[in-house]
């Protein structure tokens, strides 16, 4: 099993978005954890869990696409305690997870 993690730094390097996606894909990780991430990053994994956008907590500091953590996995997941967020274009399920304050 391959697990990888990367702090994307709130996508400060937006001009390198394609390169970031390429690097994430090249890791071929079974589980990929992105912190300080952005919903503009979409990877070809069957399932993704992500925290709610941080703009909900501090709208003056964050863009509406930013979130704290996204976890991509190649494994099927049981999500009975998580609510399903909207499916994105490729019909892959995304789940929003509320973080405790």
N, C-alpha and C. Protein backbone atom coordinates (compact mmCIF):
# COMPACT_ATOMS: atom_id res chain seq x y z
N UNK A 1 0.85 -1.17 0.00
CA UNK A 1 0.00 0.00 0.00
C UNK A 1 0.90 1.24 0.00
N UNK A 2 0.55 2.20 -0.86
CA UNK A 2 1.30 3.44 -0.94
C UNK A 2 0.44 4.58 -0.42
N UNK A 3 0.98 5.32 0.55
CA UNK A 3 0.28 6.48 1.11
C UNK A 3 1.18 7.70 0.91
N UNK A 4 0.60 8.78 0.41
CA UNK A 4 1.36 10.00 0.18
C UNK A 4 0.60 11.18 0.76
N UNK A 5 1.35 12.20 1.17
CA UNK A 5 0.74 13.42 1.70
C UNK A 5 1.48 14.63 1.13
N UNK A 6 0.74 15.72 0.93
CA UNK A 6 1.34 16.93 0.38
C UNK A 6 0.56 18.13 0.89
N UNK A 7 1.28 19.13 1.41
CA UNK A 7 0.67 20.40 1.78
C UNK A 7 0.72 21.28 0.53
N UNK A 8 -0.42 21.56 -0.03
CA UNK A 8 -0.50 22.30 -1.29
C UNK A 8 -0.39 23.81 -1.07
N UNK A 9 -0.38 24.24 0.17
CA UNK A 9 -0.20 25.66 0.53
C UNK A 9 -1.25 26.57 -0.09
N UNK A 10 -2.51 26.15 0.05
CA UNK A 10 -3.65 26.96 -0.40
C UNK A 10 -3.55 27.31 -1.88
N UNK A 11 -2.91 26.48 -2.62
CA UNK A 11 -2.76 26.65 -4.07
C UNK A 11 -2.18 28.02 -4.41
N UNK A 12 -1.15 28.42 -3.63
CA UNK A 12 -0.47 29.69 -3.90
C UNK A 12 0.12 29.70 -5.30
N UNK A 13 0.45 28.53 -5.80
CA UNK A 13 1.10 28.42 -7.11
C UNK A 13 0.08 27.98 -8.15
N UNK A 14 -1.01 28.74 -8.24
CA UNK A 14 -2.12 28.37 -9.12
C UNK A 14 -1.66 28.21 -10.57
N UNK A 15 -0.64 28.95 -10.97
CA UNK A 15 -0.15 28.84 -12.34
C UNK A 15 0.43 27.45 -12.60
N UNK A 16 0.73 26.72 -11.53
CA UNK A 16 1.29 25.37 -11.66
C UNK A 16 0.26 24.29 -11.36
N UNK A 17 -1.02 24.63 -11.47
CA UNK A 17 -2.09 23.68 -11.15
C UNK A 17 -1.94 22.38 -11.95
N UNK A 18 -1.69 22.49 -13.24
CA UNK A 18 -1.55 21.27 -14.06
C UNK A 18 -0.37 20.43 -13.59
N UNK A 19 0.70 21.08 -13.21
CA UNK A 19 1.89 20.35 -12.73
C UNK A 19 1.61 19.66 -11.38
N UNK A 20 0.87 20.35 -10.52
CA UNK A 20 0.51 19.77 -9.22
C UNK A 20 -0.33 18.51 -9.43
N UNK A 21 -1.31 18.60 -10.32
CA UNK A 21 -2.17 17.44 -10.61
C UNK A 21 -1.33 16.31 -11.20
N UNK A 22 -0.42 16.64 -12.10
CA UNK A 22 0.45 15.62 -12.69
C UNK A 22 1.32 14.94 -11.64
N UNK A 23 1.90 15.72 -10.74
CA UNK A 23 2.74 15.14 -9.68
C UNK A 23 1.93 14.22 -8.77
N UNK A 24 0.74 14.64 -8.42
CA UNK A 24 -0.12 13.80 -7.57
C UNK A 24 -0.46 12.50 -8.28
N UNK A 25 -0.75 12.57 -9.55
CA UNK A 25 -1.09 11.36 -10.32
C UNK A 25 0.11 10.43 -10.44
N UNK A 26 1.29 11.01 -10.59
CA UNK A 26 2.49 10.18 -10.77
C UNK A 26 2.87 9.42 -9.50
N UNK A 27 2.41 9.85 -8.34
CA UNK A 27 2.75 9.14 -7.11
C UNK A 27 2.16 7.74 -7.10
N UNK A 28 1.04 7.59 -7.83
CA UNK A 28 0.33 6.30 -7.87
C UNK A 28 0.01 5.80 -6.46
N UNK A 29 -0.27 6.73 -5.57
CA UNK A 29 -0.58 6.38 -4.18
C UNK A 29 -1.97 5.74 -4.10
N UNK A 30 -2.10 4.78 -3.20
CA UNK A 30 -3.40 4.19 -2.94
C UNK A 30 -4.27 5.15 -2.13
N UNK A 31 -3.61 5.90 -1.26
CA UNK A 31 -4.27 6.94 -0.46
C UNK A 31 -3.42 8.19 -0.57
N UNK A 32 -4.04 9.29 -0.97
CA UNK A 32 -3.33 10.56 -1.11
C UNK A 32 -4.02 11.60 -0.25
N UNK A 33 -3.27 12.22 0.65
CA UNK A 33 -3.81 13.24 1.54
C UNK A 33 -3.24 14.59 1.13
N UNK A 34 -4.11 15.52 0.78
CA UNK A 34 -3.69 16.88 0.44
C UNK A 34 -4.18 17.80 1.55
N UNK A 35 -3.28 18.59 2.10
CA UNK A 35 -3.66 19.56 3.13
C UNK A 35 -3.55 20.96 2.56
N UNK A 36 -4.25 21.90 3.19
CA UNK A 36 -4.34 23.28 2.71
C UNK A 36 -4.59 23.25 1.20
N UNK A 37 -5.65 22.57 0.82
CA UNK A 37 -5.88 22.29 -0.59
C UNK A 37 -7.00 23.13 -1.18
N UNK A 38 -7.36 22.82 -2.39
CA UNK A 38 -8.33 23.61 -3.14
C UNK A 38 -9.15 22.65 -3.99
N UNK A 39 -10.42 22.93 -4.12
CA UNK A 39 -11.30 22.05 -4.91
C UNK A 39 -11.02 22.11 -6.40
N UNK A 40 -10.17 23.01 -6.83
CA UNK A 40 -9.78 23.05 -8.23
C UNK A 40 -8.89 21.86 -8.59
N UNK A 41 -8.32 21.23 -7.59
CA UNK A 41 -7.51 20.04 -7.80
C UNK A 41 -8.46 18.85 -7.81
N UNK A 42 -8.57 18.21 -8.95
CA UNK A 42 -9.42 17.03 -9.11
C UNK A 42 -8.55 15.91 -9.66
N UNK A 43 -8.55 14.81 -8.96
CA UNK A 43 -7.68 13.69 -9.33
C UNK A 43 -8.52 12.47 -9.69
N UNK A 44 -7.98 11.60 -10.53
CA UNK A 44 -8.74 10.43 -11.00
C UNK A 44 -8.77 9.27 -10.00
N UNK A 45 -9.31 9.53 -8.83
CA UNK A 45 -9.48 8.48 -7.81
C UNK A 45 -10.95 8.15 -7.71
N UNK A 46 -11.29 6.91 -7.38
CA UNK A 46 -12.70 6.53 -7.30
C UNK A 46 -13.46 7.21 -6.16
N UNK A 47 -12.76 7.65 -5.11
CA UNK A 47 -13.45 8.25 -3.97
C UNK A 47 -12.60 9.36 -3.36
N UNK A 48 -13.27 10.41 -2.92
CA UNK A 48 -12.57 11.55 -2.30
C UNK A 48 -13.39 12.03 -1.11
N UNK A 49 -12.70 12.28 0.00
CA UNK A 49 -13.30 12.89 1.18
C UNK A 49 -12.65 14.26 1.34
N UNK A 50 -13.44 15.24 1.67
CA UNK A 50 -12.86 16.56 1.89
C UNK A 50 -13.61 17.31 2.98
N UNK A 51 -12.87 18.16 3.66
CA UNK A 51 -13.50 19.00 4.66
C UNK A 51 -14.34 20.05 3.95
N UNK A 52 -15.26 20.64 4.67
CA UNK A 52 -16.05 21.72 4.10
C UNK A 52 -15.13 22.88 3.73
N UNK A 53 -15.55 23.71 2.79
CA UNK A 53 -14.71 24.86 2.43
C UNK A 53 -14.42 25.72 3.66
N UNK A 54 -13.19 26.19 3.77
CA UNK A 54 -12.83 27.00 4.94
C UNK A 54 -13.47 28.37 4.89
N UNK A 55 -13.99 28.77 3.76
CA UNK A 55 -14.67 30.05 3.67
C UNK A 55 -15.88 30.09 4.59
N UNK A 56 -16.44 28.93 4.89
CA UNK A 56 -17.57 28.84 5.81
C UNK A 56 -17.15 29.36 7.19
N UNK A 57 -15.92 29.04 7.60
CA UNK A 57 -15.42 29.44 8.92
C UNK A 57 -14.91 30.88 8.93
N UNK A 58 -14.18 31.26 7.89
CA UNK A 58 -13.55 32.59 7.83
C UNK A 58 -13.66 33.15 6.42
N UNK A 59 -14.82 33.66 6.03
CA UNK A 59 -15.02 34.10 4.65
C UNK A 59 -14.09 35.23 4.22
N UNK A 60 -13.61 35.99 5.17
CA UNK A 60 -12.73 37.10 4.82
C UNK A 60 -11.31 36.67 4.47
N UNK A 61 -10.94 35.44 4.82
CA UNK A 61 -9.56 34.99 4.63
C UNK A 61 -9.37 33.98 3.49
N UNK A 62 -10.44 33.32 3.06
CA UNK A 62 -10.29 32.19 2.15
C UNK A 62 -11.15 32.33 0.90
N UNK A 63 -10.69 31.73 -0.18
CA UNK A 63 -11.51 31.64 -1.40
C UNK A 63 -12.54 30.53 -1.20
N UNK A 64 -13.62 30.59 -1.93
CA UNK A 64 -14.71 29.60 -1.76
C UNK A 64 -14.30 28.19 -2.15
N UNK A 65 -13.21 28.02 -2.88
CA UNK A 65 -12.78 26.68 -3.31
C UNK A 65 -11.77 26.04 -2.35
N UNK A 66 -11.29 26.78 -1.37
CA UNK A 66 -10.27 26.25 -0.46
C UNK A 66 -10.88 25.37 0.63
N UNK A 67 -10.18 24.29 0.95
CA UNK A 67 -10.58 23.47 2.08
C UNK A 67 -9.33 22.94 2.80
N UNK A 68 -9.51 22.49 4.02
CA UNK A 68 -8.35 22.10 4.83
C UNK A 68 -7.70 20.81 4.35
N UNK A 69 -8.53 19.79 4.10
CA UNK A 69 -7.97 18.46 3.77
C UNK A 69 -8.83 17.79 2.70
N UNK A 70 -8.15 17.15 1.75
CA UNK A 70 -8.81 16.25 0.80
C UNK A 70 -8.08 14.92 0.87
N UNK A 71 -8.83 13.85 0.98
CA UNK A 71 -8.25 12.51 1.02
C UNK A 71 -8.79 11.73 -0.17
N UNK A 72 -7.89 11.34 -1.04
CA UNK A 72 -8.25 10.54 -2.22
C UNK A 72 -7.86 9.10 -1.95
N UNK A 73 -8.71 8.17 -2.39
CA UNK A 73 -8.40 6.77 -2.17
C UNK A 73 -8.84 5.91 -3.35
N UNK A 74 -8.07 4.86 -3.58
CA UNK A 74 -8.41 3.90 -4.63
C UNK A 74 -9.32 2.79 -4.07
N UNK A 75 -9.59 2.83 -2.77
CA UNK A 75 -10.39 1.81 -2.11
C UNK A 75 -11.85 2.25 -2.02
N UNK A 76 -12.75 1.28 -2.09
CA UNK A 76 -14.15 1.56 -1.86
C UNK A 76 -14.32 1.96 -0.40
N UNK A 77 -15.20 2.89 -0.14
CA UNK A 77 -15.36 3.41 1.22
C UNK A 77 -16.80 3.32 1.67
N UNK A 78 -16.98 3.01 2.93
CA UNK A 78 -18.28 3.05 3.54
C UNK A 78 -18.40 4.39 4.24
N UNK A 79 -19.44 5.12 3.92
CA UNK A 79 -19.53 6.50 4.40
C UNK A 79 -20.81 6.74 5.18
N UNK A 80 -21.15 5.86 6.06
CA UNK A 80 -22.41 5.98 6.77
C UNK A 80 -22.46 7.21 7.68
N UNK A 81 -21.31 7.70 8.16
CA UNK A 81 -21.33 8.85 9.06
C UNK A 81 -21.02 10.15 8.34
N UNK A 82 -20.74 10.08 7.08
CA UNK A 82 -20.40 11.28 6.32
C UNK A 82 -21.51 11.55 5.32
N UNK A 83 -21.81 12.79 5.10
CA UNK A 83 -22.86 13.07 4.15
C UNK A 83 -22.26 13.24 2.76
N UNK A 84 -22.97 12.76 1.78
CA UNK A 84 -22.46 12.85 0.42
C UNK A 84 -22.64 14.27 -0.09
N UNK A 85 -21.57 14.81 -0.61
CA UNK A 85 -21.58 16.12 -1.24
C UNK A 85 -21.98 15.88 -2.69
N UNK A 86 -22.06 16.90 -3.48
CA UNK A 86 -22.42 16.70 -4.89
C UNK A 86 -21.37 15.87 -5.62
N UNK A 87 -21.80 15.15 -6.61
CA UNK A 87 -20.85 14.40 -7.43
C UNK A 87 -20.28 15.38 -8.45
N UNK A 88 -19.00 15.23 -8.75
CA UNK A 88 -18.46 16.14 -9.74
C UNK A 88 -18.62 15.55 -11.13
N UNK A 89 -18.10 16.22 -12.13
CA UNK A 89 -18.35 15.88 -13.53
C UNK A 89 -18.15 14.42 -13.88
N UNK A 90 -17.16 13.79 -13.28
CA UNK A 90 -16.88 12.40 -13.64
C UNK A 90 -17.67 11.40 -12.80
N UNK A 91 -18.70 11.87 -12.11
CA UNK A 91 -19.60 11.04 -11.30
C UNK A 91 -18.92 10.34 -10.14
N UNK A 92 -17.77 10.79 -9.74
CA UNK A 92 -17.06 10.22 -8.60
C UNK A 92 -17.67 10.82 -7.34
N UNK A 93 -17.97 10.03 -6.33
CA UNK A 93 -18.57 10.60 -5.11
C UNK A 93 -17.56 11.43 -4.32
N UNK A 94 -18.03 12.55 -3.81
CA UNK A 94 -17.24 13.40 -2.93
C UNK A 94 -18.03 13.53 -1.64
N UNK A 95 -17.34 13.53 -0.54
CA UNK A 95 -17.99 13.60 0.76
C UNK A 95 -17.42 14.76 1.54
N UNK A 96 -18.28 15.56 2.12
CA UNK A 96 -17.83 16.65 2.97
C UNK A 96 -17.84 16.18 4.41
N UNK A 97 -16.81 16.53 5.13
CA UNK A 97 -16.68 16.12 6.52
C UNK A 97 -16.59 17.37 7.38
N UNK A 98 -17.47 17.50 8.36
CA UNK A 98 -17.40 18.65 9.26
C UNK A 98 -16.30 18.41 10.27
N UNK A 99 -15.44 19.41 10.43
CA UNK A 99 -14.35 19.32 11.39
C UNK A 99 -14.80 19.94 12.71
N UNK A 100 -14.43 19.36 13.85
CA UNK A 100 -14.79 19.98 15.13
C UNK A 100 -14.08 21.31 15.29
N UNK A 101 -14.72 22.23 15.96
CA UNK A 101 -14.11 23.54 16.19
C UNK A 101 -13.26 23.55 17.42
